[in-house]
Protein backbone atom coordinates (compact mmCIF):
# COMPACT_ATOMS: atom_id res chain seq x y z
CA MET A 1 106.35 95.09 93.11
CA ALA A 2 103.83 95.18 90.29
CA GLU A 3 100.29 96.42 90.82
CA GLU A 4 97.07 95.33 89.12
CA ARG A 5 93.99 97.61 89.39
CA SER A 6 90.53 96.01 89.42
CA ALA A 7 87.23 97.71 90.29
CA ASN A 8 89.09 100.84 91.53
CA VAL A 9 90.89 98.74 94.18
CA THR A 10 94.65 98.19 94.09
CA TYR A 11 95.44 94.50 94.07
CA ALA A 12 99.16 93.96 94.49
CA THR A 13 100.98 91.02 92.99
CA SER A 14 104.47 90.11 94.03
CA SER A 15 107.47 89.80 91.72
CA VAL A 16 108.80 86.93 93.83
CA PRO A 17 109.91 84.05 91.59
CA VAL A 18 107.50 81.17 91.30
CA GLU A 19 110.16 78.79 92.65
CA SER A 20 110.10 80.64 96.01
CA VAL A 21 106.34 80.20 96.49
CA ASP A 22 105.46 77.58 99.12
CA LEU A 23 103.19 75.18 97.24
CA HIS A 24 103.11 72.64 100.05
CA GLY A 25 101.83 74.84 102.88
CA SER A 26 98.21 75.37 103.80
CA GLY A 27 96.37 78.02 101.87
CA ALA A 28 94.09 78.77 104.82
CA SER A 29 94.87 81.23 107.59
CA TRP A 30 92.90 79.49 110.30
CA SER A 31 93.58 82.15 112.88
CA ALA A 32 91.88 84.70 110.62
CA VAL A 33 89.05 82.27 109.88
CA PHE A 34 88.35 81.62 113.56
CA ALA A 35 88.60 85.33 114.36
CA GLY A 36 86.00 86.12 111.73
CA ALA A 37 83.80 83.21 112.83
CA VAL A 38 83.82 84.30 116.48
CA ALA A 39 82.95 87.86 115.51
CA ALA A 40 80.14 86.63 113.25
CA ALA A 41 78.73 84.34 115.94
CA ALA A 42 78.84 87.08 118.58
CA LEU A 43 77.11 89.61 116.33
CA SER A 44 74.48 87.00 115.39
CA LEU A 45 73.64 86.37 119.03
CA ILE A 46 73.47 90.09 119.76
CA LEU A 47 71.15 90.77 116.84
CA ILE A 48 68.97 87.75 117.66
CA VAL A 49 68.57 88.91 121.26
CA LEU A 50 67.78 92.41 120.02
CA GLY A 51 65.20 91.04 117.59
CA VAL A 52 63.53 89.00 120.33
CA GLY A 53 63.39 92.03 122.58
CA LEU A 54 61.91 94.24 119.86
CA GLY A 55 59.39 91.53 119.00
CA PHE A 56 58.16 91.15 122.57
CA SER A 57 57.97 94.93 122.90
CA ALA A 58 55.82 95.25 119.79
CA VAL A 59 53.42 92.37 120.48
CA SER A 60 50.59 92.57 122.98
CA PRO A 61 48.41 89.55 123.79
CA TRP A 62 45.42 91.85 124.41
CA ASP A 63 45.06 93.08 120.84
CA PHE A 64 46.76 90.26 118.92
CA ASP A 65 45.09 89.12 115.69
CA SER A 66 45.94 87.31 112.48
CA GLY A 67 47.12 90.52 110.83
CA ASP A 68 49.66 90.99 113.59
CA ALA A 69 50.80 87.39 113.12
CA THR A 70 51.43 88.00 109.41
CA ALA A 71 53.31 91.22 110.07
CA ILE A 72 55.41 89.56 112.76
CA GLY A 73 56.24 86.67 110.44
CA ILE A 74 57.40 89.02 107.68
CA SER A 75 59.41 91.21 110.06
CA THR A 76 61.01 88.12 111.61
CA ALA A 77 62.11 86.85 108.20
CA ILE A 78 63.55 90.26 107.29
CA TRP A 79 65.37 90.54 110.61
CA LEU A 80 66.75 87.02 110.24
CA ALA A 81 68.09 87.84 106.77
CA PHE A 82 69.59 91.12 108.04
CA THR A 83 71.22 89.29 110.96
CA GLN A 84 72.85 86.76 108.66
CA ILE A 85 74.03 89.38 106.16
CA ALA A 86 75.48 91.70 108.81
CA ALA A 87 77.13 89.01 110.91
CA SER A 88 78.47 87.01 107.97
CA GLY A 89 79.69 90.15 106.26
CA LEU A 90 81.62 91.17 109.38
CA GLY A 91 83.11 87.71 109.80
CA GLY A 92 84.10 87.46 106.15
CA TYR A 93 85.68 90.92 106.13
CA LEU A 94 87.76 90.14 109.21
CA ALA A 95 88.85 86.79 107.77
CA GLY A 96 89.99 88.47 104.55
CA ARG A 97 91.59 91.46 106.26
CA LEU A 98 93.47 89.48 108.93
CA ARG A 99 94.75 86.61 106.81
CA VAL A 100 98.45 86.29 106.04
CA ARG A 101 99.85 87.50 102.76
CA TRP A 102 100.62 85.06 99.97
CA PRO A 103 103.56 86.44 98.00
CA GLY A 104 104.12 85.18 94.52
CA LEU A 105 100.51 84.12 93.81
CA GLU A 106 98.48 85.16 90.81
CA SER A 107 95.54 87.48 91.45
CA ASP A 108 93.03 84.76 90.52
CA GLU A 109 94.44 82.41 93.17
CA VAL A 110 94.39 85.18 95.77
CA TYR A 111 90.78 85.94 94.85
CA PHE A 112 89.87 82.27 95.26
CA ARG A 113 91.57 82.00 98.65
CA ASP A 114 89.90 85.16 99.91
CA THR A 115 86.54 83.78 98.86
CA ALA A 116 87.32 80.49 100.59
CA HIS A 117 88.29 82.33 103.78
CA GLY A 118 84.96 84.13 103.80
CA LEU A 119 83.04 80.88 103.31
CA LEU A 120 85.05 79.13 106.03
CA ALA A 121 84.44 81.97 108.48
CA TRP A 122 80.71 81.83 107.70
CA ALA A 123 80.59 78.05 108.09
CA VAL A 124 82.43 78.00 111.41
CA GLY A 125 80.33 80.88 112.73
CA ALA A 126 77.12 79.13 111.68
CA LEU A 127 78.23 75.95 113.48
CA VAL A 128 79.01 77.95 116.63
CA VAL A 129 75.58 79.59 116.58
CA ALA A 130 73.95 76.21 115.92
CA ALA A 131 75.78 74.73 118.93
CA LEU A 132 74.73 77.60 121.19
CA MET A 133 71.13 77.51 119.98
CA GLY A 134 70.81 73.77 119.43
CA SER A 135 67.52 73.43 121.27
CA ALA A 136 65.87 76.18 119.23
CA ILE A 137 67.04 74.75 115.91
CA SER A 138 66.03 71.19 116.82
CA GLY A 139 62.65 72.53 117.91
CA LEU A 140 62.23 74.19 114.53
CA ALA A 141 63.17 71.02 112.69
CA SER A 142 60.73 68.89 114.65
CA GLY A 143 57.96 71.50 114.73
CA GLY A 144 56.33 70.24 111.55
CA ALA A 145 56.38 66.64 112.77
CA ARG A 146 54.87 67.58 116.12
CA ALA A 147 52.17 69.63 114.39
CA VAL A 148 50.98 66.61 112.40
CA GLY A 149 50.09 64.71 115.58
CA ALA A 150 48.68 67.70 117.43
CA ALA A 151 45.09 67.12 116.29
CA ALA A 152 44.85 63.54 117.53
CA SER A 153 46.56 64.44 120.80
CA THR A 154 44.22 67.36 121.39
CA VAL A 155 41.11 65.27 120.79
CA THR A 156 42.39 62.59 123.16
CA GLN A 157 43.07 65.18 125.83
CA VAL A 158 39.62 66.69 125.39
CA ALA A 159 37.99 63.30 125.84
CA GLY A 160 40.15 62.45 128.83
CA SER A 161 39.55 65.82 130.46
CA ALA A 162 35.80 65.54 129.96
CA ALA A 163 35.77 62.16 131.66
CA ALA A 164 37.98 63.25 134.54
CA GLY A 165 36.21 66.55 135.11
CA SER A 166 32.74 65.02 135.31
CA GLN A 167 33.68 62.18 137.65
CA GLY A 168 35.70 63.92 140.33
CA GLY A 169 37.12 61.30 142.67
CA GLN A 170 36.32 58.43 140.30
CA SER A 171 38.52 59.82 137.53
CA GLY A 172 40.98 56.96 137.96
CA ALA A 173 38.38 54.44 136.74
CA GLN A 174 37.40 56.67 133.80
CA SER A 175 40.77 58.07 132.64
CA GLY A 176 41.28 58.75 128.91
CA ALA A 177 42.47 55.23 128.04
CA GLU A 178 39.61 53.37 129.78
CA PRO A 179 36.20 54.74 128.71
CA MET A 180 35.57 51.76 126.41
CA ILE A 181 36.21 49.18 129.16
CA SER A 182 34.29 51.25 131.69
CA TYR A 183 31.30 51.32 129.38
CA PHE A 184 31.05 47.53 129.33
CA ILE A 185 31.67 47.29 133.08
CA ASP A 186 28.79 49.71 133.69
CA ALA A 187 26.61 47.74 131.28
CA LEU A 188 27.40 44.60 133.23
CA PHE A 189 25.62 45.97 136.31
CA ARG A 190 22.91 47.93 134.46
CA SER A 191 19.38 47.24 135.70
CA ASP A 192 16.19 47.38 133.68
CA GLN A 193 14.49 49.08 136.62
CA PRO A 194 17.13 51.18 138.36
CA GLY A 195 16.33 52.24 141.87
CA PRO A 196 17.09 55.52 143.61
CA THR A 197 20.69 56.67 143.22
CA GLN A 198 22.66 56.98 146.42
CA ASP A 199 25.58 58.86 144.80
CA PRO A 200 24.72 61.44 142.08
CA GLN A 201 28.32 61.36 140.85
CA GLN A 202 27.89 57.74 139.88
CA ALA A 203 25.13 58.62 137.44
CA ARG A 204 27.24 61.42 135.95
CA ALA A 205 30.21 59.07 135.59
CA GLU A 206 28.12 56.45 133.82
CA ALA A 207 26.56 59.04 131.51
CA THR A 208 30.02 60.35 130.66
CA THR A 209 31.22 56.86 129.78
CA ILE A 210 28.20 56.28 127.54
CA PHE A 211 28.68 59.62 125.79
CA LEU A 212 32.40 59.01 125.15
CA LYS A 213 31.84 55.52 123.82
CA SER A 214 28.96 56.66 121.62
CA MET A 215 30.99 59.56 120.20
CA ALA A 216 33.77 57.13 119.35
CA ASP A 217 31.23 54.94 117.54
CA GLY A 218 29.62 57.93 115.86
CA ALA A 219 26.07 57.47 117.18
CA LEU A 220 24.17 56.97 120.41
CA ALA A 221 22.71 53.47 120.50
CA PRO A 222 18.91 53.28 121.10
CA THR A 223 19.40 51.11 124.19
CA ASP A 224 21.86 53.60 125.65
CA GLN A 225 19.55 56.52 124.84
CA GLU A 226 16.63 54.78 126.53
CA TYR A 227 18.69 53.95 129.59
CA LEU A 228 20.00 57.51 129.90
CA ALA A 229 16.48 58.89 129.58
CA THR A 230 15.43 56.65 132.47
CA VAL A 231 18.34 57.81 134.63
CA VAL A 232 17.76 61.48 133.80
CA ALA A 233 14.06 61.19 134.54
CA ARG A 234 14.84 59.56 137.86
CA GLU A 235 17.46 62.13 138.85
CA THR A 236 15.69 65.28 137.63
CA GLY A 237 12.00 64.43 137.96
CA LEU A 238 11.33 65.08 134.26
CA SER A 239 8.77 63.09 132.34
CA PRO A 240 10.13 60.22 130.24
CA GLU A 241 9.44 62.14 127.04
CA ASP A 242 11.23 65.31 128.25
CA ALA A 243 14.13 63.27 129.61
CA ALA A 244 14.53 61.47 126.26
CA GLN A 245 14.50 64.82 124.42
CA ARG A 246 17.07 66.25 126.82
CA VAL A 247 19.37 63.27 126.28
CA GLN A 248 19.08 63.66 122.52
CA ASP A 249 19.71 67.43 122.61
CA ARG A 250 22.69 67.23 124.98
CA TYR A 251 24.28 64.43 123.04
CA ALA A 252 23.97 66.44 119.82
CA GLN A 253 25.53 69.49 121.53
CA ALA A 254 28.38 67.42 122.98
CA SER A 255 29.06 65.79 119.61
CA ALA A 256 29.11 69.18 117.89
CA ALA A 257 31.47 70.61 120.53
CA LEU A 258 33.86 67.68 120.18
CA GLN A 259 33.78 67.94 116.39
CA ASN A 260 34.51 71.66 116.57
CA ALA A 261 37.43 70.98 118.91
CA LYS A 262 38.76 68.40 116.45
CA VAL A 263 38.49 70.81 113.51
CA ALA A 264 40.15 73.59 115.52
CA ALA A 265 42.97 71.25 116.51
CA LYS A 266 43.54 70.24 112.87
CA GLU A 267 43.53 73.88 111.77
CA ALA A 268 46.03 74.77 114.49
CA ALA A 269 48.23 71.84 113.47
CA ASP A 270 48.11 72.90 109.82
CA THR A 271 48.94 76.49 110.75
CA ALA A 272 51.89 75.30 112.83
CA ARG A 273 53.07 73.11 109.95
CA LYS A 274 52.95 76.00 107.49
CA ALA A 275 54.70 78.31 109.94
CA ALA A 276 57.48 75.75 110.52
CA ALA A 277 57.91 75.21 106.77
CA GLY A 278 57.98 78.94 106.05
CA THR A 279 60.48 79.61 108.83
CA ALA A 280 62.76 76.84 107.59
CA LEU A 281 62.66 78.16 104.01
CA TRP A 282 63.39 81.72 105.12
CA MET A 283 66.25 80.45 107.29
CA PHE A 284 67.67 78.67 104.25
CA VAL A 285 67.50 81.89 102.22
CA ALA A 286 69.09 83.86 105.08
CA LEU A 287 71.94 81.38 105.49
CA LEU A 288 72.56 81.33 101.74
CA SER A 289 72.65 85.14 101.71
CA GLY A 290 75.06 85.07 104.64
CA ALA A 291 77.43 82.76 102.76
CA PHE A 292 77.39 85.03 99.71
CA PHE A 293 78.04 88.23 101.66
CA ALA A 294 80.73 86.54 103.76
CA ALA A 295 82.65 85.59 100.62
CA LEU A 296 82.13 89.04 99.10
CA ALA A 297 83.27 90.81 102.26
CA ALA A 298 86.32 88.55 102.53
CA VAL A 299 87.39 89.53 99.02
CA TRP A 300 86.93 93.19 99.91
CA GLY A 301 88.90 92.78 103.13
CA GLY A 302 91.70 90.92 101.34
CA ARG A 303 91.98 93.57 98.67
CA ARG A 304 92.05 96.30 101.28
CA ARG A 305 94.93 94.50 103.02
CA GLU A 306 96.79 94.13 99.73
CA ALA A 307 96.27 97.79 98.92
CA LEU A 308 97.53 98.96 102.31
CA SER A 309 100.50 96.57 102.16
CA SER A 310 101.49 97.82 98.74
CA ARG A 311 101.40 101.43 99.99
CA LEU A 312 103.64 100.57 102.93
CA ALA A 313 106.04 98.67 100.68
CA SER A 314 106.32 101.60 98.26
């Protein structure tokens, strides 16, 4: 039995003739690969659960601010990288340490096979974790796409909620998809000299429809403003001039509030998009680091096995 020393680690090579080496058998010890993959997947889950617990323990919704969000993002990326390195390193070491011996092979071929065992253990472990956490990973992948449409959805919900909240029992006729049709239906029965209102909610519903349609158009039409001033004056007892001023002021406030909600929704969508992109990039770096350390640990584990085997043989 000849011995080759590399990096202070004994790497044994066999003196078995080349003719006796099985060149047709598989070079992979799948039992060792699956053992390392299971260990890596289990340690990944444990560390992920621990990280989630530590994160919830450190975050309080009462004093949360943007600085906390930045710190949490950085700590999450670091913990994710540590999880991958630790779990993949363990899986790779076990795959290299538990694999069968290959007598008669050159040290370069043994080095290559050890590296391959580490990569296989990392790949199988990553697939196991992905299968167990499929919903979380798919949510991450689709987070950026969902964030793009968040602004439009939020504005639609704001408009629909405003219509429903102001109309009470008549919300079915004024739901988010129908304010445009409702506006023309109301205009169909509009009178130049409206009489006393029997149901105050009817006036509120009609005013809501006019506001929503005008905000969609970008301006309050003069005829609509004049009609609303007449209705407000009738319902509140204000003078025509004060009622017209109130209509103008409230419409400007409502338009500003809706615009602010739209801007806030777009900012939230952009923040979510950036967070999803950053998380995906950090996950890529963590997975790449895990593959490297799995291969490195497998080589270390294989060399340790060779060293111990050579001691027992001598």
